[in-house]
Amino acid sequence: TTGTMGYFCVFRHDGGTEADWTEPFDFPINGDFTIVINSSGEDLDASTTMDVSVQGSVNGVDYVDLHTDLIDGVQISASTVGKTIAGVYDYDAKGRMPYMRLELTAGTASTAENILIHVIPH
């Protein structure tokens, strides 16, 4: 969905520690972009940590990591208020592919939650 500043989606974190993926981006990547996880500040389980990688594909089926652990094991929860985390994808260093998406992997099992993800082009 197009927002007033970038693009966002509601992502269903299933609570497990297996990798989950967003849908492929449906907007052009022409430069660096910032990824913001839990941008609405949801109050998540206290132990919730997240690794976020950017992946690309030439055919929309077979994906490879373009930037592994852009966000690496960062806690996205706090004892009273949810924590927002961000990372910047370096377009010049990592490139682009026709299909791109995010891979999110929780470090610990937790309650299934909806989290808001923003992708903000520079």
C-alpha atoms as a PDB file:
ATOM      1  CA  THR A   1       0.000   0.000   0.000  1.00  0.00           C
ATOM      2  CA  THR A   2       1.259   3.468  -0.804  1.00  0.00           C
ATOM      3  CA  GLY A   3       1.478   5.667   2.253  1.00  0.00           C
ATOM      4  CA  THR A   4       2.185   9.336   2.587  1.00  0.00           C
ATOM      5  CA  MET A   5       5.868   8.448   2.861  1.00  0.00           C
ATOM      6  CA  GLY A   6       6.866   5.203   1.211  1.00  0.00           C
ATOM      7  CA  TYR A   7       5.078   1.864   1.212  1.00  0.00           C
ATOM      8  CA  PHE A   8       3.762  -0.279   4.031  1.00  0.00           C
ATOM      9  CA  CYS A   9       2.146  -3.619   4.744  1.00  0.00           C
ATOM     10  CA  VAL A  10       0.675  -5.417   7.713  1.00  0.00           C
ATOM     11  CA  PHE A  11       2.758  -8.557   8.213  1.00  0.00           C
ATOM     12  CA  ARG A  12       1.471 -11.560  10.162  1.00  0.00           C
ATOM     13  CA  HIS A  13       4.390 -12.801  12.276  1.00  0.00           C
ATOM     14  CA  ASP A  14       3.310 -16.374  13.021  1.00  0.00           C
ATOM     15  CA  GLY A  15       5.147 -16.642  16.348  1.00  0.00           C
ATOM     16  CA  GLY A  16       7.542 -19.380  15.193  1.00  0.00           C
ATOM     17  CA  THR A  17      11.258 -19.233  14.501  1.00  0.00           C
ATOM     18  CA  GLU A  18      11.089 -20.315  10.853  1.00  0.00           C
ATOM     19  CA  ALA A  19      11.661 -17.751   8.103  1.00  0.00           C
ATOM     20  CA  ASP A  20       8.622 -15.846   6.839  1.00  0.00           C
ATOM     21  CA  TRP A  21       8.465 -13.618   3.754  1.00  0.00           C
ATOM     22  CA  THR A  22       6.622 -10.572   2.575  1.00  0.00           C
ATOM     23  CA  GLU A  23       5.027 -10.506  -0.843  1.00  0.00           C
ATOM     24  CA  PRO A  24       7.396  -9.198  -3.547  1.00  0.00           C
ATOM     25  CA  PHE A  25       7.597  -5.411  -3.653  1.00  0.00           C
ATOM     26  CA  ASP A  26       5.102  -3.954  -6.122  1.00  0.00           C
ATOM     27  CA  PHE A  27       6.960  -0.658  -6.467  1.00  0.00           C
ATOM     28  CA  PRO A  28      10.218   0.200  -8.261  1.00  0.00           C
ATOM     29  CA  ILE A  29      13.559   0.103  -6.453  1.00  0.00           C
ATOM     30  CA  ASN A  30      15.762   2.842  -7.888  1.00  0.00           C
ATOM     31  CA  GLY A  31      18.037   3.599  -4.954  1.00  0.00           C
ATOM     32  CA  ASP A  32      18.615   3.109  -1.242  1.00  0.00           C
ATOM     33  CA  PHE A  33      15.619   2.487   0.996  1.00  0.00           C
ATOM     34  CA  THR A  34      14.905   2.313   4.704  1.00  0.00           C
ATOM     35  CA  ILE A  35      13.059  -0.640   6.214  1.00  0.00           C
ATOM     36  CA  VAL A  36      11.141   0.023   9.426  1.00  0.00           C
ATOM     37  CA  ILE A  37       9.851  -2.974  11.389  1.00  0.00           C
ATOM     38  CA  ASN A  38       6.989  -2.654  13.896  1.00  0.00           C
ATOM     39  CA  SER A  39       6.559   0.971  12.870  1.00  0.00           C
ATOM     40  CA  SER A  40       3.224   1.216  14.693  1.00  0.00           C
ATOM     41  CA  GLY A  41       4.965   0.312  17.975  1.00  0.00           C
ATOM     42  CA  GLU A  42       2.844  -2.746  18.784  1.00  0.00           C
ATOM     43  CA  ASP A  43       3.376  -4.208  22.248  1.00  0.00           C
ATOM     44  CA  LEU A  44       4.892  -7.586  21.352  1.00  0.00           C
ATOM     45  CA  ASP A  45       6.110 -10.436  23.544  1.00  0.00           C
ATOM     46  CA  ALA A  46       9.071  -9.288  25.626  1.00  0.00           C
ATOM     47  CA  SER A  47      11.390 -11.852  24.040  1.00  0.00           C
ATOM     48  CA  THR A  48      10.612 -11.097  20.380  1.00  0.00           C
ATOM     49  CA  THR A  49      13.741 -10.516  18.304  1.00  0.00           C
ATOM     50  CA  MET A  50      13.893 -10.316  14.533  1.00  0.00           C
ATOM     51  CA  ASP A  51      16.432 -10.843  11.746  1.00  0.00           C
ATOM     52  CA  VAL A  52      15.461  -9.120   8.496  1.00  0.00           C
ATOM     53  CA  SER A  53      17.108  -9.864   5.149  1.00  0.00           C
ATOM     54  CA  VAL A  54      16.453  -8.431   1.687  1.00  0.00           C
ATOM     55  CA  GLN A  55      16.061 -11.071  -1.021  1.00  0.00           C
ATOM     56  CA  GLY A  56      15.878 -10.908  -4.804  1.00  0.00           C
ATOM     57  CA  SER A  57      14.825 -13.156  -7.663  1.00  0.00           C
ATOM     58  CA  VAL A  58      14.956 -13.052 -11.448  1.00  0.00           C
ATOM     59  CA  ASN A  59      11.841 -15.227 -11.855  1.00  0.00           C
ATOM     60  CA  GLY A  60       9.766 -14.577  -8.708  1.00  0.00           C
ATOM     61  CA  VAL A  61      10.265 -18.157  -7.496  1.00  0.00           C
ATOM     62  CA  ASP A  62      13.926 -18.773  -6.668  1.00  0.00           C
ATOM     63  CA  TYR A  63      15.176 -16.132  -4.199  1.00  0.00           C
ATOM     64  CA  VAL A  64      18.721 -15.337  -3.048  1.00  0.00           C
ATOM     65  CA  ASP A  65      19.903 -13.061  -0.264  1.00  0.00           C
ATOM     66  CA  LEU A  66      20.961  -9.621  -1.453  1.00  0.00           C
ATOM     67  CA  HIS A  67      21.620  -8.368   2.075  1.00  0.00           C
ATOM     68  CA  THR A  68      21.615 -11.013   4.810  1.00  0.00           C
ATOM     69  CA  ASP A  69      20.562  -9.774   8.257  1.00  0.00           C
ATOM     70  CA  LEU A  70      20.184  -6.113   7.365  1.00  0.00           C
ATOM     71  CA  ILE A  71      18.525  -6.021  10.770  1.00  0.00           C
ATOM     72  CA  ASP A  72      20.231  -8.652  12.936  1.00  0.00           C
ATOM     73  CA  GLY A  73      18.675 -10.077  16.087  1.00  0.00           C
ATOM     74  CA  VAL A  74      17.236  -6.794  17.283  1.00  0.00           C
ATOM     75  CA  GLN A  75      14.587  -6.884  19.970  1.00  0.00           C
ATOM     76  CA  ILE A  76      11.338  -5.454  18.585  1.00  0.00           C
ATOM     77  CA  SER A  77       9.580  -5.442  21.905  1.00  0.00           C
ATOM     78  CA  ALA A  78       9.991  -3.716  25.221  1.00  0.00           C
ATOM     79  CA  SER A  79       8.459  -4.315  28.621  1.00  0.00           C
ATOM     80  CA  THR A  80       5.724  -1.723  28.210  1.00  0.00           C
ATOM     81  CA  VAL A  81       5.751  -0.345  24.658  1.00  0.00           C
ATOM     82  CA  GLY A  82       6.650  -1.969  21.348  1.00  0.00           C
ATOM     83  CA  LYS A  83       9.979  -1.046  19.845  1.00  0.00           C
ATOM     84  CA  THR A  84      10.458   0.226  16.297  1.00  0.00           C
ATOM     85  CA  ILE A  85      13.661  -0.764  14.482  1.00  0.00           C
ATOM     86  CA  ALA A  86      15.093   0.291  11.132  1.00  0.00           C
ATOM     87  CA  GLY A  87      17.838  -0.556   8.672  1.00  0.00           C
ATOM     88  CA  VAL A  88      19.021   0.996   5.409  1.00  0.00           C
ATOM     89  CA  TYR A  89      19.473  -1.047   2.237  1.00  0.00           C
ATOM     90  CA  ASP A  90      22.486   0.126   0.209  1.00  0.00           C
ATOM     91  CA  TYR A  91      21.397  -0.039  -3.429  1.00  0.00           C
ATOM     92  CA  ASP A  92      24.848   0.740  -4.863  1.00  0.00           C
ATOM     93  CA  ALA A  93      26.558  -2.011  -2.858  1.00  0.00           C
ATOM     94  CA  LYS A  94      23.832  -4.698  -3.010  1.00  0.00           C
ATOM     95  CA  GLY A  95      21.970  -4.036  -6.286  1.00  0.00           C
ATOM     96  CA  ARG A  96      18.468  -4.986  -7.291  1.00  0.00           C
ATOM     97  CA  MET A  97      16.593  -7.761  -9.049  1.00  0.00           C
ATOM     98  CA  PRO A  98      13.245  -7.857 -10.880  1.00  0.00           C
ATOM     99  CA  TYR A  99      11.556  -9.330  -7.774  1.00  0.00           C
ATOM    100  CA  MET A 100      12.498  -8.257  -4.260  1.00  0.00           C
ATOM    101  CA  ARG A 101      11.055  -9.089  -0.843  1.00  0.00           C
ATOM    102  CA  LEU A 102      11.914  -9.202   2.857  1.00  0.00           C
ATOM    103  CA  GLU A 103      12.685 -12.345   4.833  1.00  0.00           C
ATOM    104  CA  LEU A 104      11.853 -12.081   8.547  1.00  0.00           C
ATOM    105  CA  THR A 105      13.053 -14.669  11.053  1.00  0.00           C
ATOM    106  CA  ALA A 106      12.261 -14.479  14.745  1.00  0.00           C
ATOM    107  CA  GLY A 107      15.046 -15.471  17.111  1.00  0.00           C
ATOM    108  CA  THR A 108      12.670 -16.913  19.704  1.00  0.00           C
ATOM    109  CA  ALA A 109       9.166 -18.338  19.587  1.00  0.00           C
ATOM    110  CA  SER A 110       6.493 -15.905  20.709  1.00  0.00           C
ATOM    111  CA  THR A 111       2.830 -15.114  20.304  1.00  0.00           C
ATOM    112  CA  ALA A 112       1.594 -14.641  16.742  1.00  0.00           C
ATOM    113  CA  GLU A 113       1.275 -10.917  16.066  1.00  0.00           C
ATOM    114  CA  ASN A 114       0.532  -8.473  13.275  1.00  0.00           C
ATOM    115  CA  ILE A 115       3.329  -5.971  12.766  1.00  0.00           C
ATOM    116  CA  LEU A 116       3.520  -2.987  10.451  1.00  0.00           C
ATOM    117  CA  ILE A 117       6.454  -2.814   8.012  1.00  0.00           C
ATOM    118  CA  HIS A 118       7.394   0.359   6.127  1.00  0.00           C
ATOM    119  CA  VAL A 119       9.732   0.588   3.127  1.00  0.00           C
ATOM    120  CA  ILE A 120      10.757   4.184   2.499  1.00  0.00           C
ATOM    121  CA  PRO A 121      12.697   4.961  -0.718  1.00  0.00           C
ATOM    122  CA  HIS A 122      15.363   7.671  -0.435  1.00  0.00           C
END
